[in-house]
Amino acid sequence: ELRDASHLWGKTTHEAREIVEDELDGE
């Protein structure tokens, strides 16, 4: 599934990973 990543653009790899983890039901 393709999901919006506009809020991730400009973030570092570590920042983006943390945001996605918070959004998803997974560890």
PDB file of all heavy atoms in Angstrom:
ATOM      1  N   GLU A   1       0.856  -1.186   0.000  1.00  0.00           N
ATOM      2  CA  GLU A   1       0.000   0.000   0.000  1.00  0.00           C
ATOM      3  C   GLU A   1       0.893   1.236   0.000  1.00  0.00           C
ATOM      4  O   GLU A   1       1.876   1.307   0.743  1.00  0.00           O
ATOM      5  CB  GLU A   1      -0.894  -0.005   1.243  1.00  0.00           C
ATOM      6  CG  GLU A   1      -1.771   1.225   1.400  1.00  0.00           C
ATOM      7  CD  GLU A   1      -2.524   1.235   2.716  1.00  0.00           C
ATOM      8  OE1 GLU A   1      -2.531   0.189   3.409  1.00  0.00           O
ATOM      9  OE2 GLU A   1      -3.082   2.293   3.068  1.00  0.00           O
ATOM     10  N   LEU A   2       0.572   2.212  -0.852  1.00  0.00           N
ATOM     11  CA  LEU A   2       1.290   3.482  -0.858  1.00  0.00           C
ATOM     12  C   LEU A   2       0.595   4.457   0.088  1.00  0.00           C
ATOM     13  O   LEU A   2      -0.619   4.661  -0.001  1.00  0.00           O
ATOM     14  CB  LEU A   2       1.353   4.065  -2.270  1.00  0.00           C
ATOM     15  CG  LEU A   2       2.144   3.252  -3.298  1.00  0.00           C
ATOM     16  CD1 LEU A   2       2.073   3.916  -4.675  1.00  0.00           C
ATOM     17  CD2 LEU A   2       3.602   3.085  -2.868  1.00  0.00           C
ATOM     18  N   ARG A   3       1.368   5.040   0.989  1.00  0.00           N
ATOM     19  CA  ARG A   3       0.824   5.946   1.993  1.00  0.00           C
ATOM     20  C   ARG A   3       1.528   7.304   1.915  1.00  0.00           C
ATOM     21  O   ARG A   3       2.675   7.391   1.507  1.00  0.00           O
ATOM     22  CB  ARG A   3       0.981   5.361   3.396  1.00  0.00           C
ATOM     23  CG  ARG A   3       0.214   4.056   3.581  1.00  0.00           C
ATOM     24  CD  ARG A   3       0.307   3.556   5.012  1.00  0.00           C
ATOM     25  NE  ARG A   3      -0.531   2.370   5.224  1.00  0.00           N
ATOM     26  CZ  ARG A   3      -0.682   1.764   6.399  1.00  0.00           C
ATOM     27  NH1 ARG A   3      -0.030   2.217   7.473  1.00  0.00           N
ATOM     28  NH2 ARG A   3      -1.474   0.699   6.505  1.00  0.00           N
ATOM     29  N   ASP A   4       0.823   8.329   2.344  1.00  0.00           N
ATOM     30  CA  ASP A   4       1.363   9.686   2.307  1.00  0.00           C
ATOM     31  C   ASP A   4       2.597   9.806   3.197  1.00  0.00           C
ATOM     32  O   ASP A   4       2.610   9.324   4.335  1.00  0.00           O
ATOM     33  CB  ASP A   4       0.295  10.675   2.775  1.00  0.00           C
ATOM     34  CG  ASP A   4       0.831  12.093   2.823  1.00  0.00           C
ATOM     35  OD1 ASP A   4       1.353  12.568   1.804  1.00  0.00           O
ATOM     36  OD2 ASP A   4       0.756  12.714   3.902  1.00  0.00           O
ATOM     37  N   ALA A   5       3.637  10.432   2.662  1.00  0.00           N
ATOM     38  CA  ALA A   5       4.860  10.652   3.432  1.00  0.00           C
ATOM     39  C   ALA A   5       5.259  12.125   3.441  1.00  0.00           C
ATOM     40  O   ALA A   5       6.416  12.452   3.719  1.00  0.00           O
ATOM     41  CB  ALA A   5       5.997   9.801   2.857  1.00  0.00           C
ATOM     42  N   SER A   6       4.316  13.014   3.163  1.00  0.00           N
ATOM     43  CA  SER A   6       4.634  14.441   3.137  1.00  0.00           C
ATOM     44  C   SER A   6       5.187  14.914   4.473  1.00  0.00           C
ATOM     45  O   SER A   6       6.085  15.767   4.520  1.00  0.00           O
ATOM     46  CB  SER A   6       3.386  15.256   2.770  1.00  0.00           C
ATOM     47  OG  SER A   6       2.908  14.894   1.489  1.00  0.00           O
ATOM     48  N   HIS A   7       4.659  14.344   5.563  1.00  0.00           N
ATOM     49  CA  HIS A   7       5.112  14.754   6.892  1.00  0.00           C
ATOM     50  C   HIS A   7       6.484  14.190   7.241  1.00  0.00           C
ATOM     51  O   HIS A   7       7.093  14.603   8.232  1.00  0.00           O
ATOM     52  CB  HIS A   7       4.095  14.310   7.939  1.00  0.00           C
ATOM     53  CG  HIS A   7       3.858  12.828   7.992  1.00  0.00           C
ATOM     54  ND1 HIS A   7       3.509  12.074   6.882  1.00  0.00           N
ATOM     55  CD2 HIS A   7       3.929  11.940   9.021  1.00  0.00           C
ATOM     56  CE1 HIS A   7       3.368  10.816   7.226  1.00  0.00           C
ATOM     57  NE2 HIS A   7       3.623  10.700   8.506  1.00  0.00           N
ATOM     58  N   LEU A   8       6.961  13.251   6.425  1.00  0.00           N
ATOM     59  CA  LEU A   8       8.275  12.645   6.658  1.00  0.00           C
ATOM     60  C   LEU A   8       9.369  13.306   5.826  1.00  0.00           C
ATOM     61  O   LEU A   8      10.554  13.171   6.147  1.00  0.00           O
ATOM     62  CB  LEU A   8       8.240  11.152   6.324  1.00  0.00           C
ATOM     63  CG  LEU A   8       7.190  10.298   7.027  1.00  0.00           C
ATOM     64  CD1 LEU A   8       7.248   8.862   6.510  1.00  0.00           C
ATOM     65  CD2 LEU A   8       7.386  10.334   8.534  1.00  0.00           C
ATOM     66  N   TRP A   9       8.960  14.003   4.752  1.00  0.00           N
ATOM     67  CA  TRP A   9       9.952  14.592   3.840  1.00  0.00           C
ATOM     68  C   TRP A   9      10.742  15.679   4.573  1.00  0.00           C
ATOM     69  O   TRP A   9      10.177  16.507   5.282  1.00  0.00           O
ATOM     70  CB  TRP A   9       9.249  15.180   2.629  1.00  0.00           C
ATOM     71  CG  TRP A   9      10.116  15.238   1.407  1.00  0.00           C
ATOM     72  CD1 TRP A   9      10.674  16.343   0.853  1.00  0.00           C
ATOM     73  CD2 TRP A   9      10.496  14.134   0.586  1.00  0.00           C
ATOM     74  NE1 TRP A   9      11.385  15.997  -0.272  1.00  0.00           N
ATOM     75  CE2 TRP A   9      11.296  14.653  -0.464  1.00  0.00           C
ATOM     76  CE3 TRP A   9      10.261  12.766   0.621  1.00  0.00           C
ATOM     77  CZ2 TRP A   9      11.851  13.845  -1.458  1.00  0.00           C
ATOM     78  CZ3 TRP A   9      10.810  11.963  -0.365  1.00  0.00           C
ATOM     79  CH2 TRP A   9      11.589  12.492  -1.387  1.00  0.00           C
ATOM     80  N   GLY A  10      12.033  15.650   4.410  1.00  0.00           N
ATOM     81  CA  GLY A  10      12.902  16.595   5.105  1.00  0.00           C
ATOM     82  C   GLY A  10      13.421  16.083   6.431  1.00  0.00           C
ATOM     83  O   GLY A  10      14.345  16.660   7.009  1.00  0.00           O
ATOM     84  N   LYS A  11      12.838  14.993   6.903  1.00  0.00           N
ATOM     85  CA  LYS A  11      13.287  14.408   8.164  1.00  0.00           C
ATOM     86  C   LYS A  11      14.519  13.532   7.930  1.00  0.00           C
ATOM     87  O   LYS A  11      14.715  12.983   6.850  1.00  0.00           O
ATOM     88  CB  LYS A  11      12.182  13.545   8.789  1.00  0.00           C
ATOM     89  CG  LYS A  11      10.866  14.269   9.038  1.00  0.00           C
ATOM     90  CD  LYS A  11      11.011  15.352  10.087  1.00  0.00           C
ATOM     91  CE  LYS A  11       9.661  15.975  10.418  1.00  0.00           C
ATOM     92  NZ  LYS A  11       9.792  17.099  11.387  1.00  0.00           N
ATOM     93  N   THR A  12      15.327  13.389   8.971  1.00  0.00           N
ATOM     94  CA  THR A  12      16.432  12.439   8.888  1.00  0.00           C
ATOM     95  C   THR A  12      15.871  11.019   8.900  1.00  0.00           C
ATOM     96  O   THR A  12      14.697  10.800   9.221  1.00  0.00           O
ATOM     97  CB  THR A  12      17.407  12.607  10.057  1.00  0.00           C
ATOM     98  OG1 THR A  12      16.774  12.186  11.273  1.00  0.00           O
ATOM     99  CG2 THR A  12      17.893  14.042  10.188  1.00  0.00           C
ATOM    100  N   THR A  13      16.695  10.065   8.562  1.00  0.00           N
ATOM    101  CA  THR A  13      16.236   8.674   8.550  1.00  0.00           C
ATOM    102  C   THR A  13      15.776   8.235   9.928  1.00  0.00           C
ATOM    103  O   THR A  13      14.779   7.515  10.057  1.00  0.00           O
ATOM    104  CB  THR A  13      17.363   7.743   8.073  1.00  0.00           C
ATOM    105  OG1 THR A  13      18.486   7.854   8.939  1.00  0.00           O
ATOM    106  CG2 THR A  13      17.785   8.075   6.652  1.00  0.00           C
ATOM    107  N   HIS A  14      16.478   8.668  10.966  1.00  0.00           N
ATOM    108  CA  HIS A  14      16.109   8.262  12.328  1.00  0.00           C
ATOM    109  C   HIS A  14      14.800   8.917  12.747  1.00  0.00           C
ATOM    110  O   HIS A  14      13.946   8.279  13.374  1.00  0.00           O
ATOM    111  CB  HIS A  14      17.221   8.633  13.302  1.00  0.00           C
ATOM    112  CG  HIS A  14      18.500   7.880  13.068  1.00  0.00           C
ATOM    113  ND1 HIS A  14      19.624   8.067  13.837  1.00  0.00           N
ATOM    114  CD2 HIS A  14      18.842   6.930  12.157  1.00  0.00           C
ATOM    115  CE1 HIS A  14      20.603   7.280  13.418  1.00  0.00           C
ATOM    116  NE2 HIS A  14      20.144   6.586  12.388  1.00  0.00           N
ATOM    117  N   GLU A  15      14.634  10.199  12.418  1.00  0.00           N
ATOM    118  CA  GLU A  15      13.389  10.896  12.761  1.00  0.00           C
ATOM    119  C   GLU A  15      12.203  10.271  12.045  1.00  0.00           C
ATOM    120  O   GLU A  15      11.140  10.041  12.653  1.00  0.00           O
ATOM    121  CB  GLU A  15      13.503  12.364  12.378  1.00  0.00           C
ATOM    122  CG  GLU A  15      14.461  13.167  13.236  1.00  0.00           C
ATOM    123  CD  GLU A  15      14.752  14.542  12.660  1.00  0.00           C
ATOM    124  OE1 GLU A  15      14.510  14.751  11.447  1.00  0.00           O
ATOM    125  OE2 GLU A  15      15.226  15.416  13.414  1.00  0.00           O
ATOM    126  N   ALA A  16      12.359   9.986  10.764  1.00  0.00           N
ATOM    127  CA  ALA A  16      11.260   9.393   9.991  1.00  0.00           C
ATOM    128  C   ALA A  16      10.896   8.022  10.524  1.00  0.00           C
ATOM    129  O   ALA A  16       9.708   7.675  10.617  1.00  0.00           O
ATOM    130  CB  ALA A  16      11.654   9.306   8.515  1.00  0.00           C
ATOM    131  N   ARG A  17      11.884   7.240  10.879  1.00  0.00           N
ATOM    132  CA  ARG A  17      11.611   5.909  11.431  1.00  0.00           C
ATOM    133  C   ARG A  17      10.815   6.005  12.714  1.00  0.00           C
ATOM    134  O   ARG A  17       9.845   5.255  12.924  1.00  0.00           O
ATOM    135  CB  ARG A  17      12.926   5.169  11.655  1.00  0.00           C
ATOM    136  CG  ARG A  17      12.786   3.694  11.971  1.00  0.00           C
ATOM    137  CD  ARG A  17      12.652   3.390  13.445  1.00  0.00           C
ATOM    138  NE  ARG A  17      13.822   3.776  14.187  1.00  0.00           N
ATOM    139  CZ  ARG A  17      13.854   3.859  15.519  1.00  0.00           C
ATOM    140  NH1 ARG A  17      12.783   3.619  16.231  1.00  0.00           N
ATOM    141  NH2 ARG A  17      14.965   4.215  16.131  1.00  0.00           N
ATOM    142  N   GLU A  18      11.165   6.923  13.588  1.00  0.00           N
ATOM    143  CA  GLU A  18      10.452   7.082  14.858  1.00  0.00           C
ATOM    144  C   GLU A  18       9.004   7.502  14.626  1.00  0.00           C
ATOM    145  O   GLU A  18       8.083   7.019  15.312  1.00  0.00           O
ATOM    146  CB  GLU A  18      11.175   8.108  15.724  1.00  0.00           C
ATOM    147  CG  GLU A  18      12.519   7.622  16.255  1.00  0.00           C
ATOM    148  CD  GLU A  18      13.304   8.721  16.947  1.00  0.00           C
ATOM    149  OE1 GLU A  18      12.822   9.888  16.952  1.00  0.00           O
ATOM    150  OE2 GLU A  18      14.407   8.436  17.457  1.00  0.00           O
ATOM    151  N   ILE A  19       8.774   8.397  13.657  1.00  0.00           N
ATOM    152  CA  ILE A  19       7.413   8.853  13.372  1.00  0.00           C
ATOM    153  C   ILE A  19       6.566   7.696  12.845  1.00  0.00           C
ATOM    154  O   ILE A  19       5.421   7.491  13.287  1.00  0.00           O
ATOM    155  CB  ILE A  19       7.439  10.015  12.352  1.00  0.00           C
ATOM    156  CG1 ILE A  19       8.081  11.257  12.982  1.00  0.00           C
ATOM    157  CG2 ILE A  19       6.023  10.333  11.860  1.00  0.00           C
ATOM    158  CD1 ILE A  19       8.374  12.365  11.989  1.00  0.00           C
ATOM    159  N   VAL A  20       7.108   6.929  11.925  1.00  0.00           N
ATOM    160  CA  VAL A  20       6.366   5.808  11.339  1.00  0.00           C
ATOM    161  C   VAL A  20       6.062   4.761  12.404  1.00  0.00           C
ATOM    162  O   VAL A  20       4.950   4.208  12.448  1.00  0.00           O
ATOM    163  CB  VAL A  20       7.144   5.191  10.163  1.00  0.00           C
ATOM    164  CG1 VAL A  20       6.528   3.861   9.740  1.00  0.00           C
ATOM    165  CG2 VAL A  20       7.172   6.151   8.988  1.00  0.00           C
ATOM    166  N   GLU A  21       7.014   4.498  13.264  1.00  0.00           N
ATOM    167  CA  GLU A  21       6.781   3.514  14.310  1.00  0.00           C
ATOM    168  C   GLU A  21       5.630   3.954  15.225  1.00  0.00           C
ATOM    169  O   GLU A  21       4.782   3.138  15.619  1.00  0.00           O
ATOM    170  CB  GLU A  21       8.044   3.301  15.135  1.00  0.00           C
ATOM    171  CG  GLU A  21       7.873   2.238  16.234  1.00  0.00           C
ATOM    172  CD  GLU A  21       9.122   2.066  17.086  1.00  0.00           C
ATOM    173  OE1 GLU A  21      10.029   2.894  16.980  1.00  0.00           O
ATOM    174  OE2 GLU A  21       9.152   1.086  17.843  1.00  0.00           O
ATOM    175  N   ASP A  22       5.580   5.232  15.539  1.00  0.00           N
ATOM    176  CA  ASP A  22       4.501   5.749  16.390  1.00  0.00           C
ATOM    177  C   ASP A  22       3.142   5.622  15.703  1.00  0.00           C
ATOM    178  O   ASP A  22       2.118   5.440  16.370  1.00  0.00           O
ATOM    179  CB  ASP A  22       4.754   7.218  16.737  1.00  0.00           C
ATOM    180  CG  ASP A  22       5.900   7.403  17.726  1.00  0.00           C
ATOM    181  OD1 ASP A  22       6.269   6.415  18.396  1.00  0.00           O
ATOM    182  OD2 ASP A  22       6.418   8.528  17.822  1.00  0.00           O
ATOM    183  N   GLU A  23       3.140   5.705  14.381  1.00  0.00           N
ATOM    184  CA  GLU A  23       1.886   5.671  13.632  1.00  0.00           C
ATOM    185  C   GLU A  23       1.353   4.258  13.424  1.00  0.00           C
ATOM    186  O   GLU A  23       0.149   4.066  13.209  1.00  0.00           O
ATOM    187  CB  GLU A  23       2.076   6.327  12.258  1.00  0.00           C
ATOM    188  CG  GLU A  23       2.339   7.825  12.321  1.00  0.00           C
ATOM    189  CD  GLU A  23       2.643   8.418  10.946  1.00  0.00           C
ATOM    190  OE1 GLU A  23       2.846   7.625  10.001  1.00  0.00           O
ATOM    191  OE2 GLU A  23       2.645   9.647  10.847  1.00  0.00           O
ATOM    192  N   LEU A  24       2.229   3.277  13.460  1.00  0.00           N
ATOM    193  CA  LEU A  24       1.844   1.911  13.113  1.00  0.00           C
ATOM    194  C   LEU A  24       1.713   1.038  14.344  1.00  0.00           C
ATOM    195  O   LEU A  24       2.360   1.262  15.364  1.00  0.00           O
ATOM    196  CB  LEU A  24       2.879   1.296  12.164  1.00  0.00           C
ATOM    197  CG  LEU A  24       3.032   1.985  10.806  1.00  0.00           C
ATOM    198  CD1 LEU A  24       4.153   1.347  10.012  1.00  0.00           C
ATOM    199  CD2 LEU A  24       1.727   1.929  10.012  1.00  0.00           C
ATOM    200  N   ASP A  25       0.879   0.033  14.206  1.00  0.00           N
ATOM    201  CA  ASP A  25       0.688  -0.937  15.286  1.00  0.00           C
ATOM    202  C   ASP A  25       1.710  -2.055  15.128  1.00  0.00           C
ATOM    203  O   ASP A  25       1.412  -3.150  14.675  1.00  0.00           O
ATOM    204  CB  ASP A  25      -0.734  -1.507  15.229  1.00  0.00           C
ATOM    205  CG  ASP A  25      -0.980  -2.509  16.341  1.00  0.00           C
ATOM    206  OD1 ASP A  25      -0.255  -2.463  17.352  1.00  0.00           O
ATOM    207  OD2 ASP A  25      -1.888  -3.344  16.181  1.00  0.00           O
ATOM    208  N   GLY A  26       2.929  -1.742  15.477  1.00  0.00           N
ATOM    209  CA  GLY A  26       4.001  -2.725  15.366  1.00  0.00           C
ATOM    210  C   GLY A  26       5.195  -2.255  16.157  1.00  0.00           C
ATOM    211  O   GLY A  26       5.370  -1.061  16.396  1.00  0.00           O
ATOM    212  N   GLU A  27       6.013  -3.171  16.570  1.00  0.00           N
ATOM    213  CA  GLU A  27       7.173  -2.832  17.381  1.00  0.00           C
ATOM    214  C   GLU A  27       8.419  -2.900  16.518  1.00  0.00           C
ATOM    215  O   GLU A  27       8.777  -3.948  15.984  1.00  0.00           O
ATOM    216  CB  GLU A  27       7.304  -3.775  18.576  1.00  0.00           C
ATOM    217  CG  GLU A  27       8.416  -3.370  19.535  1.00  0.00           C
ATOM    218  CD  GLU A  27       8.479  -4.273  20.756  1.00  0.00           C
ATOM    219  OE1 GLU A  27       7.601  -5.145  20.897  1.00  0.00           O
ATOM    220  OE2 GLU A  27       9.408  -4.102  21.562  1.00  0.00           O
TER     221      GLU A  27
END
